[in-house]
Amino acid sequence: MIPVRCISCGKPVSAFFDEYQARMAENEDPKVILDDMGIKRYCCRRMLISHVETWE
């Protein structure tokens, strides 16, 4: 489960996770996806890029 907020800055990031995963499944570039969603801080980008889903 992805954290609701960024650990570093506190910005909500969990709302973007489903869209990010769907677009990654279509082999889209992560930089383009995050730029389109308006995620500019590197700490928030890290939260989405490095997340590994362990709950199923």
N, C-alpha and C. Protein backbone atom coordinates (compact mmCIF):
# COMPACT_ATOMS: atom_id res chain seq x y z
N MET A 1 0.85 -1.18 0.00
CA MET A 1 0.00 0.00 0.00
C MET A 1 0.89 1.24 0.00
N ILE A 2 0.61 2.12 -0.91
CA ILE A 2 1.39 3.35 -0.99
C ILE A 2 0.95 4.29 0.13
N PRO A 3 1.90 4.99 0.73
CA PRO A 3 1.52 5.96 1.77
C PRO A 3 0.60 7.04 1.20
N VAL A 4 -0.28 7.55 2.04
CA VAL A 4 -1.23 8.57 1.61
C VAL A 4 -0.49 9.86 1.27
N ARG A 5 0.49 10.21 2.06
CA ARG A 5 1.24 11.45 1.86
C ARG A 5 2.72 11.17 1.66
N CYS A 6 3.38 12.10 1.00
CA CYS A 6 4.83 12.01 0.82
C CYS A 6 5.49 12.08 2.19
N ILE A 7 6.44 11.21 2.42
CA ILE A 7 7.11 11.15 3.71
C ILE A 7 7.92 12.42 3.98
N SER A 8 8.49 13.02 2.94
CA SER A 8 9.35 14.19 3.11
C SER A 8 8.59 15.50 3.24
N CYS A 9 7.64 15.76 2.32
CA CYS A 9 7.01 17.08 2.29
C CYS A 9 5.56 17.08 2.74
N GLY A 10 4.90 15.94 2.77
CA GLY A 10 3.53 15.86 3.24
C GLY A 10 2.46 16.04 2.17
N LYS A 11 2.85 16.19 0.91
CA LYS A 11 1.87 16.34 -0.17
C LYS A 11 1.15 15.00 -0.41
N PRO A 12 -0.16 15.02 -0.60
CA PRO A 12 -0.87 13.77 -0.88
C PRO A 12 -0.43 13.17 -2.22
N VAL A 13 0.00 11.91 -2.21
CA VAL A 13 0.46 11.26 -3.43
C VAL A 13 -0.35 10.01 -3.78
N SER A 14 -1.09 9.48 -2.85
CA SER A 14 -1.81 8.23 -3.12
C SER A 14 -2.90 8.40 -4.18
N ALA A 15 -3.42 9.61 -4.35
CA ALA A 15 -4.46 9.85 -5.35
C ALA A 15 -3.93 9.69 -6.77
N PHE A 16 -2.64 9.79 -6.96
CA PHE A 16 -2.04 9.69 -8.28
C PHE A 16 -1.59 8.27 -8.63
N PHE A 17 -1.59 7.39 -7.66
CA PHE A 17 -0.99 6.07 -7.84
C PHE A 17 -1.70 5.22 -8.89
N ASP A 18 -3.02 5.18 -8.89
CA ASP A 18 -3.75 4.36 -9.85
C ASP A 18 -3.51 4.81 -11.29
N GLU A 19 -3.54 6.11 -11.52
CA GLU A 19 -3.28 6.62 -12.86
C GLU A 19 -1.85 6.32 -13.28
N TYR A 20 -0.91 6.49 -12.35
CA TYR A 20 0.49 6.21 -12.64
C TYR A 20 0.68 4.75 -13.04
N GLN A 21 0.10 3.84 -12.28
CA GLN A 21 0.22 2.41 -12.57
C GLN A 21 -0.40 2.06 -13.92
N ALA A 22 -1.56 2.63 -14.22
CA ALA A 22 -2.23 2.34 -15.49
C ALA A 22 -1.40 2.82 -16.67
N ARG A 23 -0.83 4.00 -16.55
CA ARG A 23 -0.04 4.54 -17.64
C ARG A 23 1.31 3.83 -17.77
N MET A 24 1.85 3.35 -16.65
CA MET A 24 3.09 2.57 -16.71
C MET A 24 2.84 1.22 -17.39
N ALA A 25 1.66 0.66 -17.22
CA ALA A 25 1.31 -0.60 -17.87
C ALA A 25 1.27 -0.44 -19.39
N GLU A 26 1.05 0.77 -19.86
CA GLU A 26 1.05 1.07 -21.30
C GLU A 26 2.43 1.45 -21.81
N ASN A 27 3.46 1.24 -20.97
CA ASN A 27 4.86 1.51 -21.30
C ASN A 27 5.13 2.97 -21.63
N GLU A 28 4.47 3.86 -20.91
CA GLU A 28 4.72 5.29 -21.08
C GLU A 28 5.91 5.69 -20.21
N ASP A 29 6.61 6.73 -20.60
CA ASP A 29 7.79 7.21 -19.87
C ASP A 29 7.38 7.79 -18.53
N PRO A 30 8.02 7.35 -17.42
CA PRO A 30 7.66 7.86 -16.10
C PRO A 30 7.79 9.38 -15.97
N LYS A 31 8.80 9.96 -16.62
CA LYS A 31 8.97 11.42 -16.55
C LYS A 31 7.77 12.14 -17.15
N VAL A 32 7.29 11.65 -18.28
CA VAL A 32 6.15 12.27 -18.95
C VAL A 32 4.89 12.13 -18.09
N ILE A 33 4.70 10.96 -17.50
CA ILE A 33 3.52 10.72 -16.66
C ILE A 33 3.50 11.68 -15.47
N LEU A 34 4.61 11.77 -14.76
CA LEU A 34 4.68 12.61 -13.57
C LEU A 34 4.57 14.10 -13.92
N ASP A 35 5.14 14.50 -15.04
CA ASP A 35 5.02 15.89 -15.49
C ASP A 35 3.56 16.22 -15.83
N ASP A 36 2.87 15.30 -16.51
CA ASP A 36 1.47 15.51 -16.86
C ASP A 36 0.58 15.61 -15.62
N MET A 37 0.89 14.84 -14.59
CA MET A 37 0.08 14.85 -13.37
C MET A 37 0.42 16.03 -12.46
N GLY A 38 1.48 16.77 -12.79
CA GLY A 38 1.85 17.95 -12.01
C GLY A 38 2.66 17.65 -10.77
N ILE A 39 3.31 16.50 -10.74
CA ILE A 39 4.17 16.16 -9.60
C ILE A 39 5.58 16.63 -9.93
N LYS A 40 5.99 17.71 -9.28
CA LYS A 40 7.25 18.36 -9.61
C LYS A 40 8.36 18.11 -8.59
N ARG A 41 8.01 17.91 -7.34
CA ARG A 41 9.03 17.70 -6.30
C ARG A 41 9.64 16.32 -6.44
N TYR A 42 10.96 16.26 -6.31
CA TYR A 42 11.65 14.98 -6.48
C TYR A 42 11.30 14.00 -5.38
N CYS A 43 10.93 14.49 -4.19
CA CYS A 43 10.57 13.58 -3.11
C CYS A 43 9.25 12.87 -3.43
N CYS A 44 8.31 13.58 -4.02
CA CYS A 44 7.02 12.99 -4.39
C CYS A 44 7.18 12.05 -5.58
N ARG A 45 8.02 12.43 -6.51
CA ARG A 45 8.28 11.57 -7.67
C ARG A 45 8.89 10.26 -7.21
N ARG A 46 9.79 10.35 -6.25
CA ARG A 46 10.43 9.16 -5.70
C ARG A 46 9.42 8.21 -5.08
N MET A 47 8.41 8.78 -4.41
CA MET A 47 7.39 7.95 -3.76
C MET A 47 6.66 7.07 -4.77
N LEU A 48 6.36 7.61 -5.94
CA LEU A 48 5.64 6.85 -6.95
C LEU A 48 6.55 5.92 -7.74
N ILE A 49 7.72 6.40 -8.11
CA ILE A 49 8.62 5.60 -8.94
C ILE A 49 9.16 4.39 -8.19
N SER A 50 9.51 4.56 -6.94
CA SER A 50 10.19 3.48 -6.22
C SER A 50 9.25 2.57 -5.43
N HIS A 51 7.94 2.81 -5.51
CA HIS A 51 7.00 2.00 -4.73
C HIS A 51 6.90 0.58 -5.28
N VAL A 52 6.95 -0.40 -4.38
CA VAL A 52 6.78 -1.81 -4.73
C VAL A 52 5.55 -2.31 -4.01
N GLU A 53 4.59 -2.80 -4.77
CA GLU A 53 3.33 -3.26 -4.18
C GLU A 53 3.56 -4.60 -3.50
N THR A 54 3.34 -4.67 -2.20
CA THR A 54 3.53 -5.91 -1.43
C THR A 54 2.23 -6.48 -0.94
N TRP A 55 1.15 -5.77 -1.10
CA TRP A 55 -0.16 -6.20 -0.61
C TRP A 55 -1.03 -6.64 -1.77
N GLU A 56 -1.53 -7.87 -1.72
CA GLU A 56 -2.42 -8.35 -2.78
C GLU A 56 -3.50 -9.19 -2.17
